[in-house]
C-alpha atoms as a PDB file:
ATOM      1  CA  MET A   1      -0.095   0.292   0.038  1.00  0.00           C
ATOM      2  CA  LEU A   2       1.236   3.085  -0.563  1.00  0.00           C
ATOM      3  CA  LYS A   3       2.441   5.554   2.160  1.00  0.00           C
ATOM      4  CA  VAL A   4       1.769   9.043   2.289  1.00  0.00           C
ATOM      5  CA  LEU A   5       3.916  10.317   4.903  1.00  0.00           C
ATOM      6  CA  ASP A   6       4.306  14.432   6.567  1.00  0.00           C
ATOM      7  CA  GLY A   7       6.117  16.697   4.222  1.00  0.00           C
ATOM      8  CA  PRO A   8      10.222  16.168   4.267  1.00  0.00           C
ATOM      9  CA  VAL A   9      12.144  19.271   5.357  1.00  0.00           C
ATOM     10  CA  LEU A  10      14.192  18.536   1.883  1.00  0.00           C
ATOM     11  CA  ALA A  11      17.989  20.357   3.589  1.00  0.00           C
ATOM     12  CA  HIS A  12      17.542  17.067   5.401  1.00  0.00           C
ATOM     13  CA  ARG A  13      16.872  15.093   1.574  1.00  0.00           C
ATOM     14  CA  THR A  14      19.298  16.798  -0.792  1.00  0.00           C
ATOM     15  CA  THR A  15      23.101  17.274  -1.538  1.00  0.00           C
ATOM     16  CA  LEU A  16      22.624  20.556  -1.133  1.00  0.00           C
ATOM     17  CA  ARG A  17      21.160  20.567   2.205  1.00  0.00           C
ATOM     18  CA  LEU A  18      19.121  23.339   0.705  1.00  0.00           C
ATOM     19  CA  GLY A  19      14.962  23.458   0.890  1.00  0.00           C
ATOM     20  CA  GLY A  20      11.937  23.986   3.139  1.00  0.00           C
ATOM     21  CA  ARG A  21       9.079  21.583   3.804  1.00  0.00           C
ATOM     22  CA  ALA A  22       7.263  19.965   0.969  1.00  0.00           C
ATOM     23  CA  LEU A  23       3.474  18.881   1.139  1.00  0.00           C
ATOM     24  CA  ALA A  24       3.917  15.338   1.576  1.00  0.00           C
ATOM     25  CA  GLU A  25       5.911  12.523   0.606  1.00  0.00           C
ATOM     26  CA  ALA A  26       4.350   9.307  -1.537  1.00  0.00           C
ATOM     27  CA  ARG A  27       6.536   6.308  -0.595  1.00  0.00           C
ATOM     28  CA  ALA A  28       6.202   3.093  -2.780  1.00  0.00           C
ATOM     29  CA  ALA A  29       7.396  -0.082  -1.627  1.00  0.00           C
ATOM     30  CA  GLY A  30       6.637  -2.194  -4.752  1.00  0.00           C
ATOM     31  CA  PRO A  31       4.891  -1.547  -7.898  1.00  0.00           C
ATOM     32  CA  GLY A  32       1.595  -1.973  -6.590  1.00  0.00           C
ATOM     33  CA  ASP A  33       1.591   0.723  -5.051  1.00  0.00           C
ATOM     34  CA  LEU A  34       1.726   3.303  -7.355  1.00  0.00           C
ATOM     35  CA  ASP A  35      -1.251   2.720  -8.860  1.00  0.00           C
ATOM     36  CA  GLY A  36      -2.910   4.719  -6.314  1.00  0.00           C
ATOM     37  CA  LEU A  37      -0.353   7.614  -6.678  1.00  0.00           C
ATOM     38  CA  PRO A  38      -1.918   9.100  -9.410  1.00  0.00           C
ATOM     39  CA  GLU A  39      -5.250   9.508  -6.999  1.00  0.00           C
ATOM     40  CA  ALA A  40      -3.406  10.338  -4.057  1.00  0.00           C
ATOM     41  CA  LEU A  41      -1.443  13.079  -5.595  1.00  0.00           C
ATOM     42  CA  ALA A  42      -4.977  14.693  -6.844  1.00  0.00           C
ATOM     43  CA  ARG A  43      -6.000  14.167  -3.174  1.00  0.00           C
ATOM     44  CA  LEU A  44      -2.823  16.110  -1.704  1.00  0.00           C
ATOM     45  CA  GLY A  45      -2.755  18.221  -4.608  1.00  0.00           C
ATOM     46  CA  GLY A  46       0.851  20.136  -5.254  1.00  0.00           C
ATOM     47  CA  GLU A  47       3.233  18.751  -8.306  1.00  0.00           C
ATOM     48  CA  PRO A  48       4.947  15.537  -8.023  1.00  0.00           C
ATOM     49  CA  ARG A  49       8.840  15.603  -7.309  1.00  0.00           C
ATOM     50  CA  MET A  50      10.869  12.315  -7.707  1.00  0.00           C
ATOM     51  CA  LEU A  51      13.266  11.730  -5.393  1.00  0.00           C
ATOM     52  CA  GLY A  52      16.489   9.435  -4.825  1.00  0.00           C
ATOM     53  CA  CYS A  53      19.563  10.504  -3.130  1.00  0.00           C
ATOM     54  CA  GLY A  54      18.734  14.203  -3.810  1.00  0.00           C
ATOM     55  CA  SER A  55      21.364  15.231  -6.130  1.00  0.00           C
ATOM     56  CA  ASN A  56      21.336  17.416  -8.928  1.00  0.00           C
ATOM     57  CA  ILE A  57      17.904  19.465  -6.793  1.00  0.00           C
ATOM     58  CA  LEU A  58      17.706  23.117  -5.611  1.00  0.00           C
ATOM     59  CA  ALA A  59      15.000  23.291  -3.443  1.00  0.00           C
ATOM     60  CA  ASP A  60      13.440  26.793  -2.220  1.00  0.00           C
ATOM     61  CA  ASP A  61      12.874  28.087   1.149  1.00  0.00           C
ATOM     62  CA  GLY A  62       9.597  27.996   2.747  1.00  0.00           C
ATOM     63  CA  GLU A  63       7.060  25.531   2.429  1.00  0.00           C
ATOM     64  CA  LEU A  64       6.733  23.740  -1.612  1.00  0.00           C
ATOM     65  CA  PRO A  65       3.365  22.951  -3.067  1.00  0.00           C
ATOM     66  CA  VAL A  66       5.136  19.210  -4.103  1.00  0.00           C
ATOM     67  CA  VAL A  67       4.275  15.610  -3.462  1.00  0.00           C
ATOM     68  CA  VAL A  68       7.937  14.550  -2.982  1.00  0.00           C
ATOM     69  CA  VAL A  69       7.018  10.883  -4.490  1.00  0.00           C
ATOM     70  CA  THR A  70      10.282   8.280  -2.952  1.00  0.00           C
ATOM     71  CA  LEU A  71      10.726   4.534  -3.896  1.00  0.00           C
ATOM     72  CA  ALA A  72      11.636   2.287  -0.763  1.00  0.00           C
ATOM     73  CA  ASP A  73      14.425   0.130   0.324  1.00  0.00           C
ATOM     74  CA  GLY A  74      14.697  -3.163   0.241  1.00  0.00           C
ATOM     75  CA  GLY A  75      12.491  -4.221  -2.382  1.00  0.00           C
ATOM     76  CA  PRO A  76      11.705  -4.656  -5.572  1.00  0.00           C
ATOM     77  CA  PHE A  77      12.818  -0.557  -6.756  1.00  0.00           C
ATOM     78  CA  ASP A  78      16.137  -1.147  -4.875  1.00  0.00           C
ATOM     79  CA  ALA A  79      16.976  -4.901  -6.898  1.00  0.00           C
ATOM     80  CA  ALA A  80      20.480  -5.521  -7.158  1.00  0.00           C
ATOM     81  CA  PRO A  81      22.202  -5.711 -10.690  1.00  0.00           C
ATOM     82  CA  GLU A  82      21.294  -9.086 -12.461  1.00  0.00           C
ATOM     83  CA  VAL A  83      22.784 -10.327 -15.692  1.00  0.00           C
ATOM     84  CA  THR A  84      19.349 -11.479 -17.634  1.00  0.00           C
ATOM     85  CA  GLY A  85      20.218 -12.530 -21.214  1.00  0.00           C
ATOM     86  CA  GLU A  86      22.210 -11.225 -24.249  1.00  0.00           C
ATOM     87  CA  THR A  87      21.548  -8.555 -26.826  1.00  0.00           C
ATOM     88  CA  GLU A  88      21.792 -10.578 -30.994  1.00  0.00           C
ATOM     89  CA  ASP A  89      25.530  -8.301 -30.988  1.00  0.00           C
ATOM     90  CA  GLY A  90      26.958 -10.001 -28.205  1.00  0.00           C
ATOM     91  CA  ARG A  91      26.141  -7.619 -25.091  1.00  0.00           C
ATOM     92  CA  VAL A  92      25.405  -8.213 -21.811  1.00  0.00           C
ATOM     93  CA  LEU A  93      21.829  -7.160 -20.425  1.00  0.00           C
ATOM     94  CA  VAL A  94      22.263  -6.103 -16.563  1.00  0.00           C
ATOM     95  CA  ARG A  95      18.769  -5.058 -15.231  1.00  0.00           C
ATOM     96  CA  VAL A  96      18.634  -2.957 -12.223  1.00  0.00           C
ATOM     97  CA  GLY A  97      16.452  -1.132 -10.001  1.00  0.00           C
ATOM     98  CA  ALA A  98      15.885   2.350 -10.201  1.00  0.00           C
ATOM     99  CA  ALA A  99      16.443   2.852  -6.166  1.00  0.00           C
ATOM    100  CA  GLN A 100      19.816   1.282  -6.102  1.00  0.00           C
ATOM    101  CA  ARG A 101      22.981   3.831  -5.810  1.00  0.00           C
ATOM    102  CA  LEU A 102      24.666   4.764  -8.985  1.00  0.00           C
ATOM    103  CA  PRO A 103      28.149   3.907  -7.565  1.00  0.00           C
ATOM    104  CA  ARG A 104      26.767   0.227  -6.935  1.00  0.00           C
ATOM    105  CA  LEU A 105      25.836  -0.602 -10.373  1.00  0.00           C
ATOM    106  CA  VAL A 106      29.255   1.071 -11.612  1.00  0.00           C
ATOM    107  CA  SER A 107      30.739  -0.998  -9.585  1.00  0.00           C
ATOM    108  CA  ARG A 108      29.534  -4.153 -10.181  1.00  0.00           C
ATOM    109  CA  LEU A 109      30.084  -3.891 -14.141  1.00  0.00           C
ATOM    110  CA  SER A 110      33.629  -3.298 -13.311  1.00  0.00           C
ATOM    111  CA  ALA A 111      33.990  -6.493 -11.021  1.00  0.00           C
ATOM    112  CA  TRP A 112      32.061  -8.901 -13.794  1.00  0.00           C
ATOM    113  CA  GLY A 113      33.927  -7.206 -16.428  1.00  0.00           C
ATOM    114  CA  LEU A 114      31.552  -5.332 -18.298  1.00  0.00           C
ATOM    115  CA  CYS A 115      32.439  -1.772 -19.833  1.00  0.00           C
ATOM    116  CA  GLY A 116      30.565   1.429 -20.865  1.00  0.00           C
ATOM    117  CA  MET A 117      29.509   3.187 -18.195  1.00  0.00           C
ATOM    118  CA  GLU A 118      33.104   3.318 -16.647  1.00  0.00           C
ATOM    119  CA  GLY A 119      33.046   7.094 -17.097  1.00  0.00           C
ATOM    120  CA  LEU A 120      30.075   7.281 -14.563  1.00  0.00           C
ATOM    121  CA  ALA A 121      32.585   6.371 -11.863  1.00  0.00           C
ATOM    122  CA  GLY A 122      32.175   9.106  -8.488  1.00  0.00           C
ATOM    123  CA  ILE A 123      28.697  10.678  -9.683  1.00  0.00           C
ATOM    124  CA  PRO A 124      26.230  10.223  -6.709  1.00  0.00           C
ATOM    125  CA  GLY A 125      22.939   8.987  -7.027  1.00  0.00           C
ATOM    126  CA  ALA A 126      20.015   6.715  -7.778  1.00  0.00           C
ATOM    127  CA  VAL A 127      20.364   5.188 -11.212  1.00  0.00           C
ATOM    128  CA  GLY A 128      16.800   6.620 -11.953  1.00  0.00           C
ATOM    129  CA  GLY A 129      17.320   9.690 -11.245  1.00  0.00           C
ATOM    130  CA  ALA A 130      20.838   8.920 -13.763  1.00  0.00           C
ATOM    131  CA  VAL A 131      18.564   7.880 -16.435  1.00  0.00           C
ATOM    132  CA  ALA A 132      16.382  10.505 -15.851  1.00  0.00           C
ATOM    133  CA  MET A 133      18.455  13.390 -16.745  1.00  0.00           C
ATOM    134  CA  ASN A 134      20.919  10.682 -18.678  1.00  0.00           C
ATOM    135  CA  ALA A 135      23.721  11.254 -16.536  1.00  0.00           C
ATOM    136  CA  GLY A 136      27.500  11.115 -17.857  1.00  0.00           C
ATOM    137  CA  SER A 137      30.922  12.237 -17.231  1.00  0.00           C
ATOM    138  CA  TYR A 138      33.730  11.530 -19.395  1.00  0.00           C
ATOM    139  CA  GLY A 139      32.394  10.628 -22.541  1.00  0.00           C
ATOM    140  CA  CYS A 140      29.865   8.119 -21.078  1.00  0.00           C
ATOM    141  CA  GLU A 141      26.024   8.586 -20.694  1.00  0.00           C
ATOM    142  CA  CYS A 142      23.592   6.705 -19.409  1.00  0.00           C
ATOM    143  CA  GLY A 143      21.133   6.986 -22.604  1.00  0.00           C
ATOM    144  CA  ALA A 144      24.155   5.527 -24.488  1.00  0.00           C
ATOM    145  CA  ALA A 145      24.299   2.313 -22.612  1.00  0.00           C
ATOM    146  CA  LEU A 146      20.746   1.768 -22.001  1.00  0.00           C
ATOM    147  CA  HIS A 147      19.048  -1.074 -23.604  1.00  0.00           C
ATOM    148  CA  SER A 148      15.193  -0.523 -21.981  1.00  0.00           C
ATOM    149  CA  VAL A 149      13.557   1.457 -19.212  1.00  0.00           C
ATOM    150  CA  SER A 150      10.516   0.367 -16.981  1.00  0.00           C
ATOM    151  CA  VAL A 151       8.960   3.319 -16.121  1.00  0.00           C
ATOM    152  CA  PHE A 152       4.811   4.398 -14.512  1.00  0.00           C
ATOM    153  CA  SER A 153       2.691   6.893 -15.878  1.00  0.00           C
ATOM    154  CA  PRO A 154      -0.610   8.110 -15.101  1.00  0.00           C
ATOM    155  CA  ALA A 155      -0.981   7.668 -19.277  1.00  0.00           C
ATOM    156  CA  LEU A 156       0.873   4.823 -19.740  1.00  0.00           C
ATOM    157  CA  GLY A 157       0.373   2.549 -16.138  1.00  0.00           C
ATOM    158  CA  HIS A 158       3.592   0.111 -15.625  1.00  0.00           C
ATOM    159  CA  VAL A 159       5.311  -0.591 -19.289  1.00  0.00           C
ATOM    160  CA  THR A 160       8.777  -1.482 -20.074  1.00  0.00           C
ATOM    161  CA  LEU A 161       9.803   0.675 -23.383  1.00  0.00           C
ATOM    162  CA  GLY A 162      12.518  -0.172 -25.785  1.00  0.00           C
ATOM    163  CA  ARG A 163      14.861   2.131 -27.208  1.00  0.00           C
ATOM    164  CA  GLU A 164      12.435   3.116 -29.985  1.00  0.00           C
ATOM    165  CA  ARG A 165      10.732   4.460 -27.024  1.00  0.00           C
ATOM    166  CA  PHE A 166      12.794   7.111 -25.369  1.00  0.00           C
ATOM    167  CA  ARG A 167      15.096   9.657 -26.673  1.00  0.00           C
ATOM    168  CA  TYR A 168      18.065  10.683 -25.113  1.00  0.00           C
ATOM    169  CA  GLY A 169      20.302  14.180 -25.078  1.00  0.00           C
ATOM    170  CA  TYR A 170      22.673  15.848 -23.023  1.00  0.00           C
ATOM    171  CA  ARG A 171      21.354  16.108 -19.290  1.00  0.00           C
ATOM    172  CA  GLN A 172      18.055  15.130 -20.989  1.00  0.00           C
ATOM    173  CA  PHE A 173      15.647  11.868 -21.107  1.00  0.00           C
ATOM    174  CA  GLU A 174      11.869  11.534 -22.396  1.00  0.00           C
ATOM    175  CA  VAL A 175       9.764   8.579 -22.583  1.00  0.00           C
ATOM    176  CA  LEU A 176       7.506   8.606 -25.975  1.00  0.00           C
ATOM    177  CA  ASP A 177       4.416   7.835 -26.855  1.00  0.00           C
ATOM    178  CA  ALA A 178       2.903   5.224 -29.107  1.00  0.00           C
ATOM    179  CA  SER A 179       3.040   8.147 -31.762  1.00  0.00           C
ATOM    180  CA  GLY A 180       6.605   8.883 -31.092  1.00  0.00           C
ATOM    181  CA  ALA A 181       5.887  12.395 -29.668  1.00  0.00           C
ATOM    182  CA  PRO A 182       7.216  13.181 -25.852  1.00  0.00           C
ATOM    183  CA  LEU A 183       4.858  11.689 -23.217  1.00  0.00           C
ATOM    184  CA  GLY A 184       2.870  14.359 -21.722  1.00  0.00           C
ATOM    185  CA  GLY A 185       2.737  14.361 -17.761  1.00  0.00           C
ATOM    186  CA  TRP A 186       5.258  12.973 -15.753  1.00  0.00           C
ATOM    187  CA  PHE A 187       6.780   9.538 -15.468  1.00  0.00           C
ATOM    188  CA  LEU A 188       8.629   7.439 -12.754  1.00  0.00           C
ATOM    189  CA  VAL A 189      11.225   5.328 -13.524  1.00  0.00           C
ATOM    190  CA  THR A 190      11.272   2.032 -11.537  1.00  0.00           C
ATOM    191  CA  SER A 191      13.975  -0.149 -13.085  1.00  0.00           C
ATOM    192  CA  ALA A 192      16.602  -0.092 -16.214  1.00  0.00           C
ATOM    193  CA  THR A 193      18.389  -2.612 -18.299  1.00  0.00           C
ATOM    194  CA  PHE A 194      21.255  -1.432 -19.737  1.00  0.00           C
ATOM    195  CA  ALA A 195      23.826  -3.108 -22.482  1.00  0.00           C
ATOM    196  CA  LEU A 196      27.342  -3.684 -21.944  1.00  0.00           C
ATOM    197  CA  ALA A 197      29.895  -4.626 -23.962  1.00  0.00           C
ATOM    198  CA  ARG A 198      32.402  -7.650 -22.381  1.00  0.00           C
ATOM    199  CA  CYS A 199      35.854  -5.968 -21.642  1.00  0.00           C
ATOM    200  CA  ASP A 200      38.794  -7.371 -19.004  1.00  0.00           C
ATOM    201  CA  SER A 201      37.572  -6.666 -15.633  1.00  0.00           C
ATOM    202  CA  ALA A 202      41.396  -5.426 -14.553  1.00  0.00           C
ATOM    203  CA  VAL A 203      40.803  -2.241 -17.570  1.00  0.00           C
ATOM    204  CA  VAL A 204      37.553  -1.423 -16.311  1.00  0.00           C
ATOM    205  CA  HIS A 205      38.619  -1.069 -12.278  1.00  0.00           C
ATOM    206  CA  ALA A 206      41.651   0.766 -13.982  1.00  0.00           C
ATOM    207  CA  ALA A 207      39.605   3.380 -15.825  1.00  0.00           C
ATOM    208  CA  MET A 208      37.466   3.946 -12.437  1.00  0.00           C
ATOM    209  CA  ARG A 209      39.839   4.501 -10.544  1.00  0.00           C
ATOM    210  CA  GLY A 210      41.034   7.327 -12.614  1.00  0.00           C
ATOM    211  CA  ASN A 211      37.881   9.135 -13.815  1.00  0.00           C
ATOM    212  CA  TYR A 212      37.346   8.560  -9.985  1.00  0.00           C
ATOM    213  CA  LEU A 213      40.511  10.290  -9.414  1.00  0.00           C
ATOM    214  CA  LYS A 214      40.627  12.810 -11.504  1.00  0.00           C
ATOM    215  CA  LYS A 215      36.768  14.051 -10.345  1.00  0.00           C
ATOM    216  CA  LYS A 216      38.666  13.888  -6.657  1.00  0.00           C
ATOM    217  CA  ALA A 217      41.472  16.290  -7.961  1.00  0.00           C
ATOM    218  CA  THR A 218      38.901  18.614  -9.590  1.00  0.00           C
ATOM    219  CA  GLN A 219      35.629  18.509  -7.810  1.00  0.00           C
ATOM    220  CA  PRO A 220      34.916  18.743  -5.205  1.00  0.00           C
ATOM    221  CA  VAL A 221      33.259  15.908  -4.075  1.00  0.00           C
ATOM    222  CA  LEU A 222      33.341  15.680  -0.224  1.00  0.00           C
ATOM    223  CA  ALA A 223      31.336  19.114  -0.758  1.00  0.00           C
ATOM    224  CA  HIS A 224      27.761  19.525   0.154  1.00  0.00           C
ATOM    225  CA  SER A 225      26.636  20.096  -3.950  1.00  0.00           C
ATOM    226  CA  ALA A 226      24.290  19.818  -6.777  1.00  0.00           C
ATOM    227  CA  GLY A 227      26.623  18.947  -9.038  1.00  0.00           C
ATOM    228  CA  CYS A 228      27.246  20.950 -11.699  1.00  0.00           C
ATOM    229  CA  VAL A 229      24.646  23.609 -11.931  1.00  0.00           C
ATOM    230  CA  PHE A 230      25.401  24.930 -15.217  1.00  0.00           C
ATOM    231  CA  ARG A 231      24.804  23.194 -18.450  1.00  0.00           C
ATOM    232  CA  ASN A 232      28.276  23.239 -20.874  1.00  0.00           C
ATOM    233  CA  PRO A 233      27.590  25.413 -23.808  1.00  0.00           C
ATOM    234  CA  SER A 234      29.778  23.498 -25.504  1.00  0.00           C
ATOM    235  CA  ALA A 235      32.499  21.341 -25.245  1.00  0.00           C
ATOM    236  CA  GLU A 236      34.881  24.121 -26.219  1.00  0.00           C
ATOM    237  CA  ASN A 237      33.233  26.739 -23.754  1.00  0.00           C
ATOM    238  CA  PRO A 238      32.245  24.945 -21.056  1.00  0.00           C
ATOM    239  CA  ALA A 239      30.354  26.652 -18.457  1.00  0.00           C
ATOM    240  CA  GLY A 240      33.256  25.859 -15.297  1.00  0.00           C
ATOM    241  CA  LYS A 241      35.630  28.057 -17.548  1.00  0.00           C
ATOM    242  CA  LEU A 242      33.517  30.659 -18.144  1.00  0.00           C
ATOM    243  CA  LEU A 243      32.188  30.997 -15.091  1.00  0.00           C
ATOM    244  CA  ASP A 244      36.770  30.717 -13.817  1.00  0.00           C
ATOM    245  CA  ALA A 245      37.263  33.169 -16.367  1.00  0.00           C
ATOM    246  CA  ALA A 246      34.393  35.932 -14.529  1.00  0.00           C
ATOM    247  CA  GLY A 247      36.309  35.661 -11.724  1.00  0.00           C
ATOM    248  CA  LEU A 248      33.779  33.836 -10.084  1.00  0.00           C
ATOM    249  CA  LYS A 249      35.748  30.218  -8.908  1.00  0.00           C
ATOM    250  CA  GLY A 250      35.522  31.229  -5.001  1.00  0.00           C
ATOM    251  CA  TYR A 251      33.033  33.638  -5.124  1.00  0.00           C
ATOM    252  CA  ARG A 252      30.426  33.870  -2.247  1.00  0.00           C
ATOM    253  CA  ILE A 253      26.835  35.388  -1.109  1.00  0.00           C
ATOM    254  CA  GLY A 254      26.157  34.249   2.645  1.00  0.00           C
ATOM    255  CA  GLY A 255      26.546  30.545   3.313  1.00  0.00           C
ATOM    256  CA  MET A 256      26.580  29.565  -0.569  1.00  0.00           C
ATOM    257  CA  ALA A 257      29.958  30.080  -2.915  1.00  0.00           C
ATOM    258  CA  PHE A 258      31.373  28.207  -5.872  1.00  0.00           C
ATOM    259  CA  SER A 259      33.951  25.978  -5.306  1.00  0.00           C
ATOM    260  CA  LYS A 260      37.742  26.930  -5.681  1.00  0.00           C
ATOM    261  CA  MET A 261      38.261  23.491  -7.523  1.00  0.00           C
ATOM    262  CA  HIS A 262      35.580  24.218  -9.657  1.00  0.00           C
ATOM    263  CA  ALA A 263      33.729  27.102 -10.529  1.00  0.00           C
ATOM    264  CA  ASN A 264      30.661  25.516 -12.101  1.00  0.00           C
ATOM    265  CA  PHE A 265      29.959  23.589  -8.769  1.00  0.00           C
ATOM    266  CA  MET A 266      28.103  26.122  -6.549  1.00  0.00           C
ATOM    267  CA  ILE A 267      28.857  24.684  -2.639  1.00  0.00           C
ATOM    268  CA  ASN A 268      26.805  24.861   0.346  1.00  0.00           C
ATOM    269  CA  GLU A 269      29.322  25.778   3.143  1.00  0.00           C
ATOM    270  CA  GLY A 270      26.820  25.130   5.900  1.00  0.00           C
ATOM    271  CA  ASN A 271      23.969  27.638   6.826  1.00  0.00           C
ATOM    272  CA  GLY A 272      23.922  28.766   3.190  1.00  0.00           C
ATOM    273  CA  THR A 273      19.846  29.257   1.773  1.00  0.00           C
ATOM    274  CA  ALA A 274      18.389  28.751  -0.884  1.00  0.00           C
ATOM    275  CA  LYS A 275      17.852  32.165  -1.687  1.00  0.00           C
ATOM    276  CA  GLU A 276      21.629  33.095  -1.791  1.00  0.00           C
ATOM    277  CA  ALA A 277      21.870  30.578  -3.727  1.00  0.00           C
ATOM    278  CA  PHE A 278      19.723  32.133  -6.214  1.00  0.00           C
ATOM    279  CA  SER A 279      21.307  35.621  -6.167  1.00  0.00           C
ATOM    280  CA  LEU A 280      24.830  33.650  -6.758  1.00  0.00           C
ATOM    281  CA  LEU A 281      23.187  32.017  -9.417  1.00  0.00           C
ATOM    282  CA  GLN A 282      21.910  35.366 -11.528  1.00  0.00           C
ATOM    283  CA  LEU A 283      24.863  37.106 -10.285  1.00  0.00           C
ATOM    284  CA  ALA A 284      26.633  34.697 -12.887  1.00  0.00           C
ATOM    285  CA  ARG A 285      24.400  34.110 -15.487  1.00  0.00           C
ATOM    286  CA  VAL A 286      25.048  37.901 -15.914  1.00  0.00           C
ATOM    287  CA  ALA A 287      28.187  38.340 -15.086  1.00  0.00           C
ATOM    288  CA  VAL A 288      28.315  35.742 -18.302  1.00  0.00           C
ATOM    289  CA  SER A 289      26.603  37.291 -20.388  1.00  0.00           C
ATOM    290  CA  GLU A 290      27.844  40.499 -20.362  1.00  0.00           C
ATOM    291  CA  ARG A 291      31.455  38.726 -20.688  1.00  0.00           C
ATOM    292  CA  PHE A 292      30.818  36.828 -22.903  1.00  0.00           C
ATOM    293  CA  ARG A 293      27.640  37.196 -24.521  1.00  0.00           C
ATOM    294  CA  VAL A 294      26.468  33.274 -23.432  1.00  0.00           C
ATOM    295  CA  ASP A 295      23.393  32.646 -21.518  1.00  0.00           C
ATOM    296  CA  LEU A 296      24.520  30.007 -19.519  1.00  0.00           C
ATOM    297  CA  GLU A 297      20.912  27.567 -18.788  1.00  0.00           C
ATOM    298  CA  LEU A 298      20.677  25.364 -15.210  1.00  0.00           C
ATOM    299  CA  GLU A 299      21.483  22.263 -15.206  1.00  0.00           C
ATOM    300  CA  VAL A 300      20.377  21.683 -11.650  1.00  0.00           C
ATOM    301  CA  LYS A 301      17.015  21.601 -11.212  1.00  0.00           C
ATOM    302  CA  VAL A 302      14.711  24.084  -9.414  1.00  0.00           C
ATOM    303  CA  TRP A 303      12.231  22.963  -6.830  1.00  0.00           C
ATOM    304  CA  SER A 304      10.440  26.505  -6.496  1.00  0.00           C
ATOM    305  CA  TRP A 305       6.990  27.967  -4.908  1.00  0.00           C
ATOM    306  CA  TRP A 306       7.076  29.779  -7.697  1.00  0.00           C
END
């Protein structure tokens, strides 16, 4: 049965440690619980927001008109990675629950000698969120390895969709309806199946370790951040490079600052507020626009009352 809980304080549930209180939390332990989710959302009011590990989210201060939807640990949504077969071209199919942590999946693939996602080493979050935002790093992205995805939505119910029924791009993932148009309304990823090539386990592990150490040396992986806050305008002019050139590396407003390690990481130094975060982001957008005539777009997902 779908559990409806008191609305969580999002500062306690997001990696940026920001955010006020949601209207409620709807927690599903298994697929059957999701059947009652549309009715529960209609009764509770507010916009549904899917919450995994809370990365890539900037939640506003105050009371927010959102209902947080979560998948319970320890049940079918948290199914560990398992090999389910092979494709015609010999790639290995690995199915995993949406609530599984992405680092656990990547580590398991390394142990099995399966390559194609080693660039994602060091990215926090759950598998469902990684699919829904097409997480990527060092030339790898979830969408490229994704073979099929299981979702729930009010329009489709419970379905498993092949590659002809989804589309992905830079930090973007869309479910398509039967006509090939983007699906209207919300959807929730419940599991994903990836198609991966066989490689030497030691080579995969070495690549993963190298990618993680590179991240650790150049990004504030242990700080309270939401990851990169702006999308990269181009490979030649990534957001971090533009922000650094505009003098914003280390710049702070109140308790929020752009990291001294990587200017595209906004960090909460311990007592920051969403108001300060929004002010810092606006200042950065203006500074980069005035100096480089480039309009930065947010990569972080904003949960707000406006």
